[in-house]
């Protein structure tokens, strides 16, 4: 059994003269990322590995989760401005020793991908998190494996 956790980057800012890729987190985003990572950790949501879009706002969200979880992370450019196939490509690149992975990415791609693997209808708010159980032993079996939604959390609806 594998677990896939999808995290939309936290609330970002868009200062003048800043390219989309370089947008930083807003103060609210910093607070929400810390709140969400702490909530997941204290709720015993296991995460073995983090994979982030290299865009500043997603990577900084990932780094905050990394401070909470103290685990390895990498970036993958396929998670920036992603299509559903981009997510699957990153999944197929995972080593089978990884049982629970969190991806940090962007809308609309992350919402579209979540909807493609679930009967539930998602629209991820910033720093929204969805967790799925994937009934497989190898990530290479992802496409044909049964997928079950375990949770969907929004930062404005959780309390520590």
C-alpha atoms as a PDB file:
ATOM      1  CA  UNK A   1       0.000   0.000   0.000  1.00  0.00           C
ATOM      2  CA  UNK A   2       1.308   3.446  -0.966  1.00  0.00           C
ATOM      3  CA  UNK A   3       0.195   6.949  -0.015  1.00  0.00           C
ATOM      4  CA  UNK A   4       0.164  10.000  -2.248  1.00  0.00           C
ATOM      5  CA  UNK A   5      -0.303  13.411  -0.649  1.00  0.00           C
ATOM      6  CA  UNK A   6      -0.994  16.387  -2.889  1.00  0.00           C
ATOM      7  CA  UNK A   7      -0.236  19.868  -1.547  1.00  0.00           C
ATOM      8  CA  UNK A   8      -1.043  23.063  -3.379  1.00  0.00           C
ATOM      9  CA  UNK A   9       1.537  25.739  -2.591  1.00  0.00           C
ATOM     10  CA  UNK A  10       0.627  28.167   0.195  1.00  0.00           C
ATOM     11  CA  UNK A  11      -0.673  31.691  -0.444  1.00  0.00           C
ATOM     12  CA  UNK A  12       1.783  33.651  -2.522  1.00  0.00           C
ATOM     13  CA  UNK A  13       2.516  37.279  -3.118  1.00  0.00           C
ATOM     14  CA  UNK A  14       3.106  38.881  -6.496  1.00  0.00           C
ATOM     15  CA  UNK A  15       5.391  41.890  -6.121  1.00  0.00           C
ATOM     16  CA  UNK A  16       5.773  44.177  -9.119  1.00  0.00           C
ATOM     17  CA  UNK A  17       8.423  43.149 -11.632  1.00  0.00           C
ATOM     18  CA  UNK A  18       8.330  39.530 -10.382  1.00  0.00           C
ATOM     19  CA  UNK A  19       8.024  36.640 -12.814  1.00  0.00           C
ATOM     20  CA  UNK A  20       5.438  33.950 -12.023  1.00  0.00           C
ATOM     21  CA  UNK A  21       8.165  31.384 -11.257  1.00  0.00           C
ATOM     22  CA  UNK A  22       9.793  33.699  -8.670  1.00  0.00           C
ATOM     23  CA  UNK A  23       6.705  34.640  -6.666  1.00  0.00           C
ATOM     24  CA  UNK A  24       7.381  34.379  -2.897  1.00  0.00           C
ATOM     25  CA  UNK A  25       5.021  33.236  -0.187  1.00  0.00           C
ATOM     26  CA  UNK A  26       2.877  35.892   1.469  1.00  0.00           C
ATOM     27  CA  UNK A  27       2.914  36.136   5.275  1.00  0.00           C
ATOM     28  CA  UNK A  28      -0.393  34.231   5.360  1.00  0.00           C
ATOM     29  CA  UNK A  29       1.193  31.545   3.191  1.00  0.00           C
ATOM     30  CA  UNK A  30       4.102  31.135   5.580  1.00  0.00           C
ATOM     31  CA  UNK A  31       1.664  30.799   8.495  1.00  0.00           C
ATOM     32  CA  UNK A  32      -0.628  28.368   6.645  1.00  0.00           C
ATOM     33  CA  UNK A  33       2.257  26.122   5.543  1.00  0.00           C
ATOM     34  CA  UNK A  34       3.543  25.872   9.109  1.00  0.00           C
ATOM     35  CA  UNK A  35       0.013  25.295  10.437  1.00  0.00           C
ATOM     36  CA  UNK A  36      -0.751  22.593   7.849  1.00  0.00           C
ATOM     37  CA  UNK A  37       2.561  20.753   8.203  1.00  0.00           C
ATOM     38  CA  UNK A  38       2.234  20.771  12.001  1.00  0.00           C
ATOM     39  CA  UNK A  39      -1.395  19.592  11.776  1.00  0.00           C
ATOM     40  CA  UNK A  40      -0.456  16.692   9.497  1.00  0.00           C
ATOM     41  CA  UNK A  41       2.491  15.664  11.672  1.00  0.00           C
ATOM     42  CA  UNK A  42       0.455  15.767  14.910  1.00  0.00           C
ATOM     43  CA  UNK A  43      -2.330  13.842  13.117  1.00  0.00           C
ATOM     44  CA  UNK A  44       0.221  11.084  12.411  1.00  0.00           C
ATOM     45  CA  UNK A  45       0.144  11.533   8.641  1.00  0.00           C
ATOM     46  CA  UNK A  46       3.319   9.733   7.591  1.00  0.00           C
ATOM     47  CA  UNK A  47       5.388  11.231   4.798  1.00  0.00           C
ATOM     48  CA  UNK A  48       8.643   9.598   3.670  1.00  0.00           C
ATOM     49  CA  UNK A  49       9.635  11.890   0.822  1.00  0.00           C
ATOM     50  CA  UNK A  50       8.838  15.329  -0.620  1.00  0.00           C
ATOM     51  CA  UNK A  51       8.830  16.325  -4.297  1.00  0.00           C
ATOM     52  CA  UNK A  52       8.285  19.963  -5.197  1.00  0.00           C
ATOM     53  CA  UNK A  53       7.847  22.174  -8.176  1.00  0.00           C
ATOM     54  CA  UNK A  54      10.990  24.328  -8.352  1.00  0.00           C
ATOM     55  CA  UNK A  55       8.884  27.535  -8.409  1.00  0.00           C
ATOM     56  CA  UNK A  56       9.707  29.662  -5.357  1.00  0.00           C
ATOM     57  CA  UNK A  57       6.240  29.557  -3.764  1.00  0.00           C
ATOM     58  CA  UNK A  58       5.939  25.763  -4.047  1.00  0.00           C
ATOM     59  CA  UNK A  59       9.519  25.095  -2.996  1.00  0.00           C
ATOM     60  CA  UNK A  60       9.205  27.355   0.062  1.00  0.00           C
ATOM     61  CA  UNK A  61       5.995  25.533   1.049  1.00  0.00           C
ATOM     62  CA  UNK A  62       7.916  22.253   0.709  1.00  0.00           C
ATOM     63  CA  UNK A  63      10.812  23.597   2.795  1.00  0.00           C
ATOM     64  CA  UNK A  64       8.424  24.494   5.618  1.00  0.00           C
ATOM     65  CA  UNK A  65       7.023  20.933   5.540  1.00  0.00           C
ATOM     66  CA  UNK A  66      10.625  19.693   5.523  1.00  0.00           C
ATOM     67  CA  UNK A  67      11.339  21.663   8.720  1.00  0.00           C
ATOM     68  CA  UNK A  68       8.394  19.899  10.361  1.00  0.00           C
ATOM     69  CA  UNK A  69       9.053  16.391   9.010  1.00  0.00           C
ATOM     70  CA  UNK A  70      12.887  16.459   8.737  1.00  0.00           C
ATOM     71  CA  UNK A  71      12.970  14.324   5.576  1.00  0.00           C
ATOM     72  CA  UNK A  72      14.558  14.528   2.130  1.00  0.00           C
ATOM     73  CA  UNK A  73      13.088  16.560  -0.684  1.00  0.00           C
ATOM     74  CA  UNK A  74      13.827  17.073  -4.347  1.00  0.00           C
ATOM     75  CA  UNK A  75      12.462  19.372  -7.022  1.00  0.00           C
ATOM     76  CA  UNK A  76      10.990  18.245 -10.313  1.00  0.00           C
ATOM     77  CA  UNK A  77      10.210  20.778 -13.023  1.00  0.00           C
ATOM     78  CA  UNK A  78       7.321  18.565 -14.204  1.00  0.00           C
ATOM     79  CA  UNK A  79       5.336  19.805 -11.176  1.00  0.00           C
ATOM     80  CA  UNK A  80       5.481  23.436 -12.368  1.00  0.00           C
ATOM     81  CA  UNK A  81       2.474  24.305 -14.556  1.00  0.00           C
ATOM     82  CA  UNK A  82       1.624  20.581 -14.636  1.00  0.00           C
ATOM     83  CA  UNK A  83      -0.785  18.465 -16.632  1.00  0.00           C
ATOM     84  CA  UNK A  84      -2.234  15.216 -15.272  1.00  0.00           C
ATOM     85  CA  UNK A  85       0.440  13.290 -17.198  1.00  0.00           C
ATOM     86  CA  UNK A  86       3.175  15.295 -15.460  1.00  0.00           C
ATOM     87  CA  UNK A  87       2.037  13.981 -12.064  1.00  0.00           C
ATOM     88  CA  UNK A  88       1.989  10.408 -13.348  1.00  0.00           C
ATOM     89  CA  UNK A  89       5.471  10.826 -14.801  1.00  0.00           C
ATOM     90  CA  UNK A  90       6.803  11.956 -11.411  1.00  0.00           C
ATOM     91  CA  UNK A  91       5.001   9.047  -9.702  1.00  0.00           C
ATOM     92  CA  UNK A  92       6.603   6.528 -12.079  1.00  0.00           C
ATOM     93  CA  UNK A  93      10.033   7.983 -11.244  1.00  0.00           C
ATOM     94  CA  UNK A  94       9.611   7.193  -7.519  1.00  0.00           C
ATOM     95  CA  UNK A  95      11.615   4.420  -5.902  1.00  0.00           C
ATOM     96  CA  UNK A  96       9.482   1.655  -4.411  1.00  0.00           C
ATOM     97  CA  UNK A  97      11.121   2.108  -0.996  1.00  0.00           C
ATOM     98  CA  UNK A  98       9.079   5.321  -0.742  1.00  0.00           C
ATOM     99  CA  UNK A  99       5.733   4.387   0.806  1.00  0.00           C
ATOM    100  CA  UNK A 100       4.320   7.876   1.347  1.00  0.00           C
ATOM    101  CA  UNK A 101       5.172  10.886  -0.802  1.00  0.00           C
ATOM    102  CA  UNK A 102       3.980  14.492  -0.834  1.00  0.00           C
ATOM    103  CA  UNK A 103       3.938  16.512  -4.055  1.00  0.00           C
ATOM    104  CA  UNK A 104       3.970  20.333  -3.921  1.00  0.00           C
ATOM    105  CA  UNK A 105       2.459  21.862  -7.009  1.00  0.00           C
ATOM    106  CA  UNK A 106       0.053  24.400  -8.529  1.00  0.00           C
ATOM    107  CA  UNK A 107      -3.515  24.863  -9.696  1.00  0.00           C
ATOM    108  CA  UNK A 108      -5.172  24.063 -12.028  1.00  0.00           C
ATOM    109  CA  UNK A 109      -2.998  21.012 -12.523  1.00  0.00           C
ATOM    110  CA  UNK A 110      -3.163  19.696  -8.965  1.00  0.00           C
ATOM    111  CA  UNK A 111      -6.974  19.987  -8.815  1.00  0.00           C
ATOM    112  CA  UNK A 112      -7.342  18.349 -12.230  1.00  0.00           C
ATOM    113  CA  UNK A 113      -5.050  15.482 -11.255  1.00  0.00           C
ATOM    114  CA  UNK A 114      -6.855  14.906  -7.929  1.00  0.00           C
ATOM    115  CA  UNK A 115     -10.170  14.820  -9.780  1.00  0.00           C
ATOM    116  CA  UNK A 116      -8.772  12.336 -12.294  1.00  0.00           C
ATOM    117  CA  UNK A 117      -7.956   9.811  -9.538  1.00  0.00           C
ATOM    118  CA  UNK A 118     -10.992  10.374  -7.310  1.00  0.00           C
ATOM    119  CA  UNK A 119     -14.773  10.499  -7.551  1.00  0.00           C
ATOM    120  CA  UNK A 120     -14.722  13.520  -5.261  1.00  0.00           C
ATOM    121  CA  UNK A 121     -14.623  16.950  -6.838  1.00  0.00           C
ATOM    122  CA  UNK A 122     -11.690  19.061  -5.738  1.00  0.00           C
ATOM    123  CA  UNK A 123     -10.695  22.628  -6.062  1.00  0.00           C
ATOM    124  CA  UNK A 124      -7.579  23.075  -3.974  1.00  0.00           C
ATOM    125  CA  UNK A 125      -7.319  26.296  -2.010  1.00  0.00           C
ATOM    126  CA  UNK A 126      -3.792  27.516  -1.353  1.00  0.00           C
ATOM    127  CA  UNK A 127      -2.087  25.074   1.046  1.00  0.00           C
ATOM    128  CA  UNK A 128      -4.937  22.590   0.588  1.00  0.00           C
ATOM    129  CA  UNK A 129      -3.890  18.963   1.107  1.00  0.00           C
ATOM    130  CA  UNK A 130      -5.426  15.734  -0.176  1.00  0.00           C
ATOM    131  CA  UNK A 131      -4.209  12.287   0.833  1.00  0.00           C
ATOM    132  CA  UNK A 132      -4.829   9.130  -1.175  1.00  0.00           C
ATOM    133  CA  UNK A 133      -4.228   5.472  -0.457  1.00  0.00           C
ATOM    134  CA  UNK A 134      -2.929   3.684  -3.543  1.00  0.00           C
ATOM    135  CA  UNK A 135      -3.479  -0.086  -3.516  1.00  0.00           C
ATOM    136  CA  UNK A 136      -0.143  -1.192  -4.967  1.00  0.00           C
ATOM    137  CA  UNK A 137       3.291  -2.395  -3.915  1.00  0.00           C
ATOM    138  CA  UNK A 138       5.144  -0.608  -6.685  1.00  0.00           C
ATOM    139  CA  UNK A 139       4.631   2.917  -8.007  1.00  0.00           C
ATOM    140  CA  UNK A 140       4.809   1.376 -11.487  1.00  0.00           C
ATOM    141  CA  UNK A 141       1.329  -0.082 -10.787  1.00  0.00           C
ATOM    142  CA  UNK A 142      -0.178   3.353 -10.057  1.00  0.00           C
ATOM    143  CA  UNK A 143      -2.336   3.688 -13.151  1.00  0.00           C
ATOM    144  CA  UNK A 144      -4.212   0.400 -12.659  1.00  0.00           C
ATOM    145  CA  UNK A 145      -4.276   0.503  -8.829  1.00  0.00           C
ATOM    146  CA  UNK A 146      -7.380   1.308  -6.801  1.00  0.00           C
ATOM    147  CA  UNK A 147      -7.165   4.778  -5.284  1.00  0.00           C
ATOM    148  CA  UNK A 148      -9.034   5.917  -2.198  1.00  0.00           C
ATOM    149  CA  UNK A 149      -9.323   9.433  -0.785  1.00  0.00           C
ATOM    150  CA  UNK A 150      -8.217   9.416   2.861  1.00  0.00           C
ATOM    151  CA  UNK A 151      -8.503  13.122   3.670  1.00  0.00           C
ATOM    152  CA  UNK A 152      -8.841  16.610   2.268  1.00  0.00           C
ATOM    153  CA  UNK A 153      -7.772  19.507   4.497  1.00  0.00           C
ATOM    154  CA  UNK A 154      -7.997  23.239   3.975  1.00  0.00           C
ATOM    155  CA  UNK A 155      -5.915  25.555   6.178  1.00  0.00           C
ATOM    156  CA  UNK A 156      -8.924  27.724   7.109  1.00  0.00           C
ATOM    157  CA  UNK A 157     -10.838  24.666   8.376  1.00  0.00           C
ATOM    158  CA  UNK A 158      -8.247  23.036  10.628  1.00  0.00           C
ATOM    159  CA  UNK A 159      -7.289  23.905  14.178  1.00  0.00           C
ATOM    160  CA  UNK A 160      -4.205  23.066  16.162  1.00  0.00           C
END
